[in-house]
């Protein structure tokens, strides 16, 4: 049984494959993760493995987290995440998780926060076309009509308008691992990944 890991985005570069093709890749520095809780159907009505990441000094934690970590004899972690599994027999409290659980060529799901781009108009946010730029037109980048008048007398929910662009949770479902460095706990993933440098990413095996 295999669960995922949490790591930070180091940046992008490019490598060459055996055929000499250039491949864009993203480098991930994975966190030192440890199993802090095992959830079963008897205790939690579902099966999952909770892992701690974002390691810190134990003195910096509050009493509830310290008490939670004492049950698994885990190190000082201030962040936690969990992964659903079918069976929990292969896991034990305090178990250390590294990139060795993954393999080169494996497909994984990667979840993270996309780059926030602030308040954006319709053209940038929804790829709308602009109005005519000549012949006295006053409508260049305006949204135009957003609904009828008396009926329905309101704007329907979900209307595409200007607003916050980016900064949302994004999941890539078919990313491929090209290289693993066990000594440095590094994964090299094909293609681009969500977020900027140092963005936290959740990497889990593809179901």
N, C-alpha and C. Protein backbone atom coordinates (compact mmCIF):
# COMPACT_ATOMS: atom_id res chain seq x y z
N UNK A 1 0.84 -1.19 0.00
CA UNK A 1 0.00 0.00 0.00
C UNK A 1 0.88 1.25 0.00
N UNK A 2 0.45 2.26 -0.74
CA UNK A 2 1.26 3.46 -0.93
C UNK A 2 0.43 4.70 -0.66
N UNK A 3 1.00 5.65 0.05
CA UNK A 3 0.36 6.95 0.26
C UNK A 3 1.25 8.02 -0.36
N UNK A 4 0.81 9.26 -0.27
CA UNK A 4 1.55 10.35 -0.88
C UNK A 4 2.45 11.08 0.09
N UNK A 5 3.00 12.18 -0.41
CA UNK A 5 3.90 13.03 0.37
C UNK A 5 3.56 14.49 0.09
N UNK A 6 4.07 15.36 0.95
CA UNK A 6 3.98 16.80 0.73
C UNK A 6 5.37 17.35 0.45
N UNK A 7 5.45 18.30 -0.45
CA UNK A 7 6.75 18.88 -0.78
C UNK A 7 6.60 20.28 -1.31
N UNK A 8 7.73 20.94 -1.53
CA UNK A 8 7.74 22.31 -2.03
C UNK A 8 8.34 22.37 -3.43
N UNK A 9 7.79 23.26 -4.22
CA UNK A 9 8.26 23.45 -5.59
C UNK A 9 9.56 24.25 -5.57
N UNK A 10 10.62 23.66 -6.12
CA UNK A 10 11.92 24.33 -6.18
C UNK A 10 11.99 25.23 -7.41
N UNK A 11 11.51 24.74 -8.53
CA UNK A 11 11.55 25.51 -9.76
C UNK A 11 11.52 24.59 -10.97
N UNK A 12 11.68 25.17 -12.15
CA UNK A 12 11.64 24.40 -13.40
C UNK A 12 12.99 24.44 -14.09
N UNK A 13 13.24 23.39 -14.88
CA UNK A 13 14.43 23.33 -15.72
C UNK A 13 14.10 22.39 -16.88
N UNK A 14 15.11 21.95 -17.60
CA UNK A 14 14.88 21.00 -18.69
C UNK A 14 15.96 19.95 -18.69
N UNK A 15 15.59 18.74 -19.14
CA UNK A 15 16.53 17.63 -19.22
C UNK A 15 16.39 16.99 -20.60
N UNK A 16 17.30 16.11 -20.90
CA UNK A 16 17.26 15.37 -22.17
C UNK A 16 16.96 13.91 -21.88
N UNK A 17 16.05 13.32 -22.66
CA UNK A 17 15.76 11.90 -22.50
C UNK A 17 16.73 11.07 -23.33
N UNK A 18 16.53 9.76 -23.36
CA UNK A 18 17.45 8.86 -24.06
C UNK A 18 17.45 9.09 -25.57
N UNK A 19 16.36 9.66 -26.10
CA UNK A 19 16.28 9.92 -27.54
C UNK A 19 16.82 11.30 -27.90
N UNK A 20 17.28 12.06 -26.91
CA UNK A 20 17.80 13.39 -27.18
C UNK A 20 16.75 14.47 -27.20
N UNK A 21 15.51 14.15 -26.82
CA UNK A 21 14.44 15.14 -26.80
C UNK A 21 14.54 15.98 -25.52
N UNK A 22 14.25 17.28 -25.64
CA UNK A 22 14.26 18.17 -24.48
C UNK A 22 12.91 18.05 -23.76
N UNK A 23 12.96 17.82 -22.45
CA UNK A 23 11.75 17.68 -21.65
C UNK A 23 11.71 18.76 -20.57
N UNK A 24 10.64 19.54 -20.49
CA UNK A 24 10.50 20.49 -19.36
C UNK A 24 10.14 19.73 -18.10
N UNK A 25 10.78 20.06 -16.99
CA UNK A 25 10.54 19.34 -15.74
C UNK A 25 10.45 20.34 -14.59
N UNK A 26 9.77 19.90 -13.53
CA UNK A 26 9.67 20.66 -12.29
C UNK A 26 10.32 19.85 -11.17
N UNK A 27 11.14 20.51 -10.37
CA UNK A 27 11.83 19.85 -9.27
C UNK A 27 11.08 20.10 -7.97
N UNK A 28 10.84 19.01 -7.22
CA UNK A 28 10.14 19.09 -5.94
C UNK A 28 11.07 18.62 -4.83
N UNK A 29 11.16 19.41 -3.78
CA UNK A 29 11.88 19.02 -2.57
C UNK A 29 10.84 18.52 -1.58
N UNK A 30 10.79 17.20 -1.37
CA UNK A 30 9.77 16.62 -0.54
C UNK A 30 10.08 16.79 0.94
N UNK A 31 9.02 16.96 1.73
CA UNK A 31 9.17 17.14 3.17
C UNK A 31 9.51 15.81 3.85
N UNK A 32 10.07 15.89 5.05
CA UNK A 32 10.26 14.72 5.89
C UNK A 32 8.93 14.40 6.55
N UNK A 33 8.22 13.40 6.05
CA UNK A 33 6.87 13.08 6.50
C UNK A 33 6.88 11.86 7.42
N UNK A 34 5.93 11.83 8.34
CA UNK A 34 5.85 10.75 9.31
C UNK A 34 4.38 10.44 9.60
N UNK A 35 4.06 9.16 9.76
CA UNK A 35 2.69 8.76 10.05
C UNK A 35 2.35 9.16 11.48
N UNK A 36 1.32 9.99 11.64
CA UNK A 36 0.92 10.49 12.97
C UNK A 36 -0.41 9.92 13.44
N UNK A 37 -1.20 9.36 12.53
CA UNK A 37 -2.47 8.76 12.94
C UNK A 37 -2.94 7.80 11.87
N UNK A 38 -3.54 6.69 12.29
CA UNK A 38 -4.12 5.71 11.38
C UNK A 38 -5.62 5.64 11.68
N UNK A 39 -6.43 5.99 10.70
CA UNK A 39 -7.88 6.01 10.87
C UNK A 39 -8.48 4.74 10.27
N UNK A 40 -9.37 4.10 11.02
CA UNK A 40 -10.00 2.85 10.60
C UNK A 40 -11.52 3.00 10.62
N UNK A 41 -12.19 2.01 10.06
CA UNK A 41 -13.65 2.04 10.04
C UNK A 41 -14.24 1.98 11.44
N UNK A 42 -13.56 1.31 12.34
CA UNK A 42 -14.08 1.17 13.70
C UNK A 42 -14.01 2.49 14.48
N UNK A 43 -12.97 3.28 14.24
CA UNK A 43 -12.78 4.50 15.03
C UNK A 43 -13.27 5.76 14.33
N UNK A 44 -13.17 5.80 12.99
CA UNK A 44 -13.48 7.03 12.26
C UNK A 44 -14.46 6.84 11.11
N UNK A 45 -14.97 5.61 10.93
CA UNK A 45 -15.94 5.30 9.87
C UNK A 45 -15.34 5.34 8.47
N UNK A 46 -14.03 5.50 8.36
CA UNK A 46 -13.35 5.39 7.07
C UNK A 46 -11.89 5.08 7.33
N UNK A 47 -11.18 4.64 6.29
CA UNK A 47 -9.78 4.26 6.44
C UNK A 47 -8.90 5.31 5.76
N UNK A 48 -7.93 5.81 6.50
CA UNK A 48 -7.01 6.82 5.98
C UNK A 48 -5.75 6.82 6.83
N UNK A 49 -4.70 7.40 6.27
CA UNK A 49 -3.44 7.55 6.97
C UNK A 49 -3.13 9.04 7.06
N UNK A 50 -2.95 9.54 8.27
CA UNK A 50 -2.60 10.94 8.48
C UNK A 50 -1.09 11.06 8.64
N UNK A 51 -0.49 12.00 7.93
CA UNK A 51 0.95 12.21 8.03
C UNK A 51 1.22 13.65 8.44
N UNK A 52 2.31 13.84 9.17
CA UNK A 52 2.74 15.16 9.57
C UNK A 52 3.85 15.66 8.67
N UNK A 53 3.84 16.95 8.38
CA UNK A 53 4.89 17.57 7.57
C UNK A 53 5.11 18.98 8.08
N UNK A 54 5.99 19.71 7.43
CA UNK A 54 6.35 21.07 7.86
C UNK A 54 6.94 21.01 9.27
N UNK A 55 8.10 20.38 9.36
CA UNK A 55 8.72 20.11 10.65
C UNK A 55 9.21 21.38 11.34
N UNK A 56 9.07 21.41 12.66
CA UNK A 56 9.50 22.54 13.47
C UNK A 56 9.94 22.04 14.83
N UNK A 57 10.42 22.95 15.67
CA UNK A 57 10.82 22.58 17.02
C UNK A 57 9.58 22.24 17.85
N UNK A 58 9.69 21.20 18.67
CA UNK A 58 8.56 20.77 19.47
C UNK A 58 8.12 21.85 20.45
N UNK A 59 9.06 22.75 20.84
CA UNK A 59 8.71 23.83 21.76
C UNK A 59 7.78 24.86 21.14
N UNK A 60 7.72 24.91 19.80
CA UNK A 60 6.89 25.90 19.13
C UNK A 60 5.44 25.46 18.95
N UNK A 61 5.11 24.26 19.39
CA UNK A 61 3.77 23.71 19.19
C UNK A 61 2.91 23.93 20.42
N UNK A 62 1.60 23.99 20.20
CA UNK A 62 0.69 24.12 21.33
C UNK A 62 0.42 22.75 21.96
N UNK A 63 -0.25 22.74 23.09
CA UNK A 63 -0.44 21.50 23.84
C UNK A 63 -1.29 20.46 23.10
N UNK A 64 -2.36 20.83 22.41
CA UNK A 64 -3.13 19.81 21.68
C UNK A 64 -2.30 19.07 20.63
N UNK A 65 -1.47 19.79 19.88
CA UNK A 65 -0.64 19.13 18.86
C UNK A 65 0.44 18.29 19.52
N UNK A 66 1.03 18.78 20.62
CA UNK A 66 2.03 17.98 21.33
C UNK A 66 1.43 16.67 21.82
N UNK A 67 0.23 16.73 22.37
CA UNK A 67 -0.42 15.51 22.83
C UNK A 67 -0.76 14.57 21.69
N UNK A 68 -1.13 15.13 20.55
CA UNK A 68 -1.43 14.29 19.39
C UNK A 68 -0.17 13.58 18.88
N UNK A 69 0.96 14.28 18.89
CA UNK A 69 2.20 13.70 18.39
C UNK A 69 2.78 12.68 19.36
N UNK A 70 2.48 12.79 20.65
CA UNK A 70 3.01 11.84 21.61
C UNK A 70 2.51 10.42 21.37
N UNK A 71 1.31 10.31 20.80
CA UNK A 71 0.74 8.99 20.56
C UNK A 71 1.55 8.20 19.53
N UNK A 72 2.19 8.92 18.61
CA UNK A 72 2.96 8.25 17.56
C UNK A 72 4.46 8.42 17.73
N UNK A 73 4.87 9.11 18.81
CA UNK A 73 6.30 9.41 19.05
C UNK A 73 6.91 10.12 17.85
N UNK A 74 6.11 10.93 17.17
CA UNK A 74 6.58 11.65 15.97
C UNK A 74 7.35 12.89 16.37
N UNK A 75 8.08 13.43 15.40
CA UNK A 75 8.84 14.65 15.61
C UNK A 75 7.89 15.84 15.63
N UNK A 76 8.45 17.04 15.74
CA UNK A 76 7.62 18.24 15.78
C UNK A 76 7.10 18.62 14.41
N UNK A 77 5.83 18.42 14.17
CA UNK A 77 5.19 18.83 12.92
C UNK A 77 4.05 19.79 13.23
N UNK A 78 3.95 20.86 12.46
CA UNK A 78 2.87 21.82 12.68
C UNK A 78 1.79 21.74 11.61
N UNK A 79 1.96 20.86 10.62
CA UNK A 79 0.95 20.69 9.58
C UNK A 79 0.67 19.20 9.38
N UNK A 80 -0.58 18.91 9.02
CA UNK A 80 -0.99 17.52 8.86
C UNK A 80 -1.87 17.38 7.62
N UNK A 81 -1.78 16.22 7.01
CA UNK A 81 -2.63 15.89 5.87
C UNK A 81 -2.90 14.41 5.88
N UNK A 82 -3.96 14.00 5.20
CA UNK A 82 -4.29 12.58 5.21
C UNK A 82 -4.57 12.08 3.81
N UNK A 83 -4.41 10.77 3.65
CA UNK A 83 -4.62 10.10 2.37
C UNK A 83 -5.54 8.91 2.61
N UNK A 84 -6.58 8.82 1.80
CA UNK A 84 -7.50 7.69 1.89
C UNK A 84 -6.81 6.43 1.36
N UNK A 85 -6.98 5.33 2.06
CA UNK A 85 -6.44 4.04 1.63
C UNK A 85 -7.51 2.97 1.82
N UNK A 86 -7.36 1.86 1.09
CA UNK A 86 -8.31 0.75 1.25
C UNK A 86 -8.00 -0.08 2.49
N UNK A 87 -6.71 -0.28 2.75
CA UNK A 87 -6.28 -1.05 3.92
C UNK A 87 -5.19 -0.29 4.66
N UNK A 88 -5.17 -0.43 5.98
CA UNK A 88 -4.17 0.26 6.81
C UNK A 88 -3.17 -0.71 7.42
N UNK A 89 -3.20 -1.98 6.98
CA UNK A 89 -2.34 -3.00 7.60
C UNK A 89 -0.86 -2.71 7.37
N UNK A 90 -0.51 -2.08 6.26
CA UNK A 90 0.90 -1.87 5.95
C UNK A 90 1.52 -0.66 6.60
N UNK A 91 0.78 0.03 7.49
CA UNK A 91 1.29 1.25 8.10
C UNK A 91 1.32 1.11 9.62
N UNK A 92 2.23 1.85 10.24
CA UNK A 92 2.32 1.88 11.70
C UNK A 92 2.65 3.30 12.15
N UNK A 93 2.24 3.63 13.37
CA UNK A 93 2.47 4.97 13.91
C UNK A 93 3.96 5.27 14.00
N UNK A 94 4.34 6.48 13.59
CA UNK A 94 5.74 6.88 13.64
C UNK A 94 6.55 6.48 12.43
N UNK A 95 5.93 5.80 11.46
CA UNK A 95 6.65 5.35 10.26
C UNK A 95 7.12 6.54 9.44
N UNK A 96 8.38 6.51 9.00
CA UNK A 96 8.95 7.57 8.17
C UNK A 96 8.62 7.30 6.70
N UNK A 97 8.17 8.31 5.99
CA UNK A 97 7.84 8.19 4.58
C UNK A 97 8.80 9.02 3.75
N UNK A 98 9.37 8.42 2.72
CA UNK A 98 10.33 9.10 1.85
C UNK A 98 9.93 8.91 0.39
N UNK A 99 10.74 9.47 -0.51
CA UNK A 99 10.47 9.35 -1.94
C UNK A 99 10.72 7.93 -2.45
N UNK A 100 11.31 7.07 -1.63
CA UNK A 100 11.55 5.69 -2.06
C UNK A 100 10.26 4.93 -2.31
N UNK A 101 9.15 5.44 -1.80
CA UNK A 101 7.87 4.77 -2.04
C UNK A 101 7.38 4.98 -3.47
N UNK A 102 7.98 5.95 -4.19
CA UNK A 102 7.63 6.18 -5.59
C UNK A 102 8.66 5.50 -6.50
N UNK A 103 8.33 5.44 -7.78
CA UNK A 103 9.22 4.83 -8.75
C UNK A 103 9.26 5.67 -10.02
N UNK A 104 10.37 5.59 -10.75
CA UNK A 104 10.53 6.33 -12.00
C UNK A 104 9.53 5.81 -13.03
N UNK A 105 8.86 6.72 -13.71
CA UNK A 105 7.85 6.36 -14.69
C UNK A 105 6.45 6.26 -14.11
N UNK A 106 6.32 6.38 -12.80
CA UNK A 106 5.01 6.28 -12.16
C UNK A 106 4.18 7.53 -12.42
N UNK A 107 2.88 7.35 -12.60
CA UNK A 107 1.96 8.47 -12.78
C UNK A 107 1.39 8.86 -11.41
N UNK A 108 1.34 10.17 -11.13
CA UNK A 108 0.89 10.67 -9.83
C UNK A 108 -0.10 11.80 -10.01
N UNK A 109 -0.89 12.04 -8.95
CA UNK A 109 -1.79 13.19 -8.88
C UNK A 109 -1.12 14.27 -8.02
N UNK A 110 -1.09 15.49 -8.51
CA UNK A 110 -0.43 16.59 -7.79
C UNK A 110 -1.44 17.71 -7.58
N UNK A 111 -1.60 18.12 -6.32
CA UNK A 111 -2.57 19.15 -5.95
C UNK A 111 -1.85 20.32 -5.29
N UNK A 112 -2.21 21.52 -5.68
CA UNK A 112 -1.61 22.71 -5.09
C UNK A 112 -2.40 23.95 -5.44
N UNK A 113 -1.99 25.07 -4.87
CA UNK A 113 -2.66 26.35 -5.11
C UNK A 113 -2.04 27.02 -6.33
N UNK A 114 -2.89 27.40 -7.28
CA UNK A 114 -2.39 28.05 -8.50
C UNK A 114 -1.95 29.48 -8.20
N UNK A 115 -1.21 30.07 -9.12
CA UNK A 115 -0.71 31.43 -8.95
C UNK A 115 -1.89 32.41 -8.95
N UNK A 116 -1.97 33.25 -7.94
CA UNK A 116 -3.01 34.27 -7.89
C UNK A 116 -2.67 35.45 -8.79
N UNK A 117 -3.62 35.89 -9.58
CA UNK A 117 -3.38 36.97 -10.55
C UNK A 117 -4.23 38.20 -10.27
N UNK A 118 -4.86 38.25 -9.09
CA UNK A 118 -5.59 39.43 -8.71
C UNK A 118 -6.92 39.58 -9.43
N UNK A 119 -7.48 40.79 -9.38
CA UNK A 119 -8.76 41.09 -10.01
C UNK A 119 -8.54 41.27 -11.50
N UNK A 120 -9.23 40.47 -12.31
CA UNK A 120 -9.03 40.50 -13.76
C UNK A 120 -10.36 40.69 -14.47
N UNK A 121 -10.30 41.26 -15.65
CA UNK A 121 -11.49 41.50 -16.45
C UNK A 121 -11.93 40.26 -17.22
N UNK A 122 -13.03 40.42 -17.98
CA UNK A 122 -13.59 39.29 -18.73
C UNK A 122 -12.64 38.75 -19.79
N UNK A 123 -11.90 39.66 -20.44
CA UNK A 123 -11.04 39.21 -21.53
C UNK A 123 -9.93 38.28 -21.01
N UNK A 124 -9.34 38.63 -19.90
CA UNK A 124 -8.24 37.83 -19.37
C UNK A 124 -8.76 36.62 -18.60
N UNK A 125 -9.85 36.82 -17.86
CA UNK A 125 -10.34 35.76 -16.99
C UNK A 125 -11.10 34.67 -17.73
N UNK A 126 -11.91 35.05 -18.73
CA UNK A 126 -12.76 34.09 -19.43
C UNK A 126 -12.49 34.02 -20.93
N UNK A 127 -11.44 34.70 -21.38
CA UNK A 127 -11.06 34.67 -22.80
C UNK A 127 -12.15 35.25 -23.70
N UNK A 128 -12.87 36.28 -23.22
CA UNK A 128 -13.86 36.95 -24.04
C UNK A 128 -13.16 37.80 -25.11
N UNK A 129 -13.87 38.08 -26.19
CA UNK A 129 -13.33 38.99 -27.21
C UNK A 129 -13.68 40.42 -26.81
N UNK A 130 -12.90 41.38 -27.27
CA UNK A 130 -13.15 42.78 -26.96
C UNK A 130 -14.10 43.37 -28.00
N UNK A 131 -14.55 44.58 -27.72
CA UNK A 131 -15.39 45.28 -28.69
C UNK A 131 -14.55 45.95 -29.76
N UNK A 132 -15.19 46.52 -30.77
CA UNK A 132 -14.44 47.20 -31.85
C UNK A 132 -13.67 48.40 -31.31
N UNK A 133 -12.48 48.63 -31.86
CA UNK A 133 -11.62 49.70 -31.37
C UNK A 133 -11.77 50.99 -32.17
N UNK A 134 -12.55 50.98 -33.26
CA UNK A 134 -12.66 52.16 -34.13
C UNK A 134 -14.12 52.50 -34.38
N UNK A 135 -14.35 53.47 -35.28
CA UNK A 135 -15.69 53.89 -35.71
C UNK A 135 -16.54 54.39 -34.55
N UNK A 136 -15.88 55.05 -33.59
CA UNK A 136 -16.61 55.69 -32.51
C UNK A 136 -17.12 54.75 -31.44
N UNK A 137 -16.66 53.50 -31.45
CA UNK A 137 -17.12 52.55 -30.43
C UNK A 137 -16.61 52.97 -29.05
N UNK A 138 -17.51 52.95 -28.08
CA UNK A 138 -17.13 53.23 -26.69
C UNK A 138 -16.99 51.93 -25.87
N UNK A 139 -17.21 50.80 -26.53
CA UNK A 139 -17.16 49.51 -25.83
C UNK A 139 -15.93 48.74 -26.28
N UNK A 140 -14.84 48.87 -25.52
CA UNK A 140 -13.62 48.15 -25.86
C UNK A 140 -13.45 46.89 -25.02
N UNK A 141 -13.48 47.07 -23.68
CA UNK A 141 -13.32 45.92 -22.80
C UNK A 141 -14.44 45.84 -21.76
N UNK A 142 -15.58 46.44 -22.06
CA UNK A 142 -16.71 46.42 -21.14
C UNK A 142 -17.41 45.05 -21.19
N UNK A 143 -18.10 44.67 -20.10
CA UNK A 143 -18.76 43.36 -20.09
C UNK A 143 -20.00 43.30 -20.95
N UNK A 144 -20.66 44.44 -21.20
CA UNK A 144 -21.89 44.41 -21.97
C UNK A 144 -23.08 44.01 -21.12
N UNK A 145 -24.15 43.62 -21.75
CA UNK A 145 -25.36 43.24 -21.03
C UNK A 145 -25.13 41.96 -20.22
N UNK A 146 -25.68 41.94 -19.01
CA UNK A 146 -25.52 40.75 -18.17
C UNK A 146 -26.86 40.09 -17.88
N UNK A 147 -27.92 40.48 -18.59
CA UNK A 147 -29.21 39.82 -18.41
C UNK A 147 -30.34 40.70 -18.89
N UNK A 148 -31.53 40.13 -18.91
CA UNK A 148 -32.73 40.86 -19.34
C UNK A 148 -33.23 41.77 -18.22
N UNK A 149 -34.29 42.53 -18.49
CA UNK A 149 -34.78 43.52 -17.53
C UNK A 149 -35.82 42.96 -16.57
N UNK A 150 -37.10 43.14 -16.94
CA UNK A 150 -38.18 42.74 -16.03
C UNK A 150 -38.16 41.25 -15.74
N UNK A 151 -37.94 40.46 -16.76
CA UNK A 151 -37.84 39.01 -16.57
C UNK A 151 -36.45 38.55 -16.98
N UNK A 152 -35.65 37.95 -16.12
CA UNK A 152 -35.99 37.51 -14.76
C UNK A 152 -35.81 38.60 -13.70
N UNK A 153 -35.30 39.77 -14.08
CA UNK A 153 -35.14 40.83 -13.10
C UNK A 153 -33.98 40.61 -12.15
N UNK A 154 -33.09 39.74 -12.50
CA UNK A 154 -31.91 39.48 -11.66
C UNK A 154 -30.82 38.86 -12.54
N UNK A 155 -29.63 38.73 -11.99
CA UNK A 155 -28.52 38.09 -12.70
C UNK A 155 -28.41 36.66 -12.20
N UNK A 156 -28.38 35.71 -13.11
CA UNK A 156 -28.29 34.31 -12.72
C UNK A 156 -26.95 34.01 -12.06
N UNK A 157 -26.94 33.16 -11.05
CA UNK A 157 -25.67 32.75 -10.42
C UNK A 157 -24.75 32.06 -11.44
N UNK A 158 -23.46 32.31 -11.31
CA UNK A 158 -22.49 31.70 -12.23
C UNK A 158 -22.22 32.51 -13.47
N UNK A 159 -22.80 33.71 -13.55
CA UNK A 159 -22.56 34.56 -14.72
C UNK A 159 -21.08 34.90 -14.80
N UNK A 160 -20.50 34.73 -15.97
CA UNK A 160 -19.08 35.01 -16.16
C UNK A 160 -18.85 36.51 -16.19
N UNK A 161 -18.14 36.99 -15.17
CA UNK A 161 -17.87 38.42 -15.06
C UNK A 161 -16.45 38.61 -14.55
N UNK A 162 -16.04 39.87 -14.41
CA UNK A 162 -14.72 40.17 -13.88
C UNK A 162 -14.64 39.74 -12.42
N UNK A 163 -13.43 39.38 -11.96
CA UNK A 163 -13.27 38.96 -10.56
C UNK A 163 -11.91 38.37 -10.31
N UNK A 164 -11.78 37.70 -9.18
CA UNK A 164 -10.51 37.11 -8.77
C UNK A 164 -10.09 36.00 -9.73
N UNK A 165 -8.87 36.08 -10.23
CA UNK A 165 -8.34 35.08 -11.15
C UNK A 165 -7.18 34.36 -10.49
N UNK A 166 -7.21 33.03 -10.54
CA UNK A 166 -6.14 32.23 -9.94
C UNK A 166 -6.31 32.11 -8.44
N UNK A 167 -5.27 31.57 -7.79
CA UNK A 167 -5.31 31.40 -6.35
C UNK A 167 -6.30 30.34 -5.91
N UNK A 168 -6.55 29.33 -6.75
CA UNK A 168 -7.49 28.26 -6.43
C UNK A 168 -6.78 26.91 -6.44
N UNK A 169 -7.41 25.92 -5.81
CA UNK A 169 -6.81 24.59 -5.76
C UNK A 169 -6.89 23.91 -7.12
N UNK A 170 -5.75 23.42 -7.59
CA UNK A 170 -5.66 22.78 -8.90
C UNK A 170 -5.08 21.38 -8.72
N UNK A 171 -5.62 20.40 -9.43
CA UNK A 171 -5.12 19.03 -9.37
C UNK A 171 -4.75 18.56 -10.77
N UNK A 172 -3.50 18.13 -10.93
CA UNK A 172 -3.04 17.51 -12.18
C UNK A 172 -3.08 16.00 -11.97
N UNK A 173 -3.81 15.30 -12.81
CA UNK A 173 -4.14 13.90 -12.53
C UNK A 173 -3.24 12.89 -13.22
N UNK A 174 -2.31 13.34 -14.06
CA UNK A 174 -1.55 12.36 -14.85
C UNK A 174 -0.10 12.78 -15.02
N UNK A 175 0.52 13.31 -13.96
CA UNK A 175 1.92 13.73 -14.05
C UNK A 175 2.84 12.52 -13.92
N UNK A 176 3.99 12.60 -14.57
CA UNK A 176 4.92 11.46 -14.61
C UNK A 176 6.22 11.80 -13.88
N UNK A 177 6.68 10.86 -13.07
CA UNK A 177 7.96 11.01 -12.38
C UNK A 177 9.08 10.57 -13.32
N UNK A 178 10.05 11.46 -13.56
CA UNK A 178 11.16 11.15 -14.46
C UNK A 178 12.44 10.80 -13.72
N UNK A 179 12.60 11.29 -12.48
CA UNK A 179 13.86 11.05 -11.77
C UNK A 179 13.60 11.17 -10.27
N UNK A 180 14.29 10.34 -9.48
CA UNK A 180 14.17 10.35 -8.03
C UNK A 180 15.56 10.41 -7.42
N UNK A 181 15.77 11.34 -6.49
CA UNK A 181 17.01 11.45 -5.74
C UNK A 181 16.69 11.13 -4.27
N UNK A 182 16.99 9.90 -3.87
CA UNK A 182 16.65 9.46 -2.51
C UNK A 182 17.49 10.17 -1.46
N UNK A 183 18.75 10.48 -1.79
CA UNK A 183 19.63 11.11 -0.80
C UNK A 183 19.13 12.50 -0.43
N UNK A 184 18.62 13.26 -1.40
CA UNK A 184 18.15 14.62 -1.16
C UNK A 184 16.63 14.71 -1.03
N UNK A 185 15.94 13.56 -1.16
CA UNK A 185 14.47 13.52 -1.07
C UNK A 185 13.84 14.42 -2.13
N UNK A 186 14.27 14.24 -3.39
CA UNK A 186 13.83 15.10 -4.49
C UNK A 186 13.11 14.26 -5.55
N UNK A 187 12.02 14.83 -6.06
CA UNK A 187 11.30 14.26 -7.20
C UNK A 187 11.40 15.22 -8.38
N UNK A 188 11.61 14.66 -9.57
CA UNK A 188 11.61 15.45 -10.80
C UNK A 188 10.39 15.02 -11.62
N UNK A 189 9.46 15.96 -11.82
CA UNK A 189 8.19 15.68 -12.47
C UNK A 189 8.16 16.30 -13.86
N UNK A 190 7.64 15.58 -14.83
CA UNK A 190 7.53 16.08 -16.19
C UNK A 190 6.48 17.19 -16.28
N UNK A 191 6.84 18.30 -16.93
CA UNK A 191 5.91 19.39 -17.16
C UNK A 191 5.86 20.39 -16.02
N UNK A 192 4.92 21.32 -16.11
CA UNK A 192 4.78 22.38 -15.12
C UNK A 192 3.79 21.94 -14.04
N UNK A 193 3.92 22.56 -12.87
CA UNK A 193 3.07 22.26 -11.73
C UNK A 193 2.48 23.56 -11.18
N UNK A 194 1.38 23.48 -10.42
CA UNK A 194 0.73 24.71 -9.93
C UNK A 194 1.61 25.52 -8.99
N UNK A 195 1.42 26.84 -9.04
CA UNK A 195 2.03 27.73 -8.06
C UNK A 195 3.41 28.23 -8.43
N UNK A 196 3.91 29.10 -7.54
CA UNK A 196 5.23 29.68 -7.71
C UNK A 196 6.27 28.88 -6.93
N UNK A 197 7.48 29.40 -6.88
CA UNK A 197 8.55 28.78 -6.12
C UNK A 197 8.15 28.70 -4.64
N UNK A 198 8.50 27.57 -4.01
CA UNK A 198 8.19 27.28 -2.60
C UNK A 198 6.72 27.00 -2.35
N UNK A 199 5.93 26.83 -3.41
CA UNK A 199 4.52 26.48 -3.22
C UNK A 199 4.41 25.04 -2.72
N UNK A 200 3.52 24.83 -1.73
CA UNK A 200 3.33 23.49 -1.16
C UNK A 200 2.48 22.65 -2.09
N UNK A 201 2.93 21.44 -2.39
CA UNK A 201 2.23 20.53 -3.29
C UNK A 201 2.00 19.19 -2.61
N UNK A 202 0.87 18.61 -2.90
CA UNK A 202 0.50 17.28 -2.40
C UNK A 202 0.64 16.27 -3.54
N UNK A 203 1.53 15.29 -3.35
CA UNK A 203 1.81 14.29 -4.38
C UNK A 203 1.30 12.94 -3.89
N UNK A 204 0.43 12.31 -4.69
CA UNK A 204 -0.11 11.00 -4.31
C UNK A 204 -0.21 10.10 -5.54
N UNK A 205 -0.16 8.80 -5.34
CA UNK A 205 -0.23 7.89 -6.48
C UNK A 205 -1.54 8.05 -7.25
N UNK A 206 -1.47 7.88 -8.54
CA UNK A 206 -2.68 7.95 -9.37
C UNK A 206 -3.55 6.73 -9.10
N UNK A 207 -4.83 6.99 -8.85
CA UNK A 207 -5.77 5.90 -8.56
C UNK A 207 -6.18 5.21 -9.85
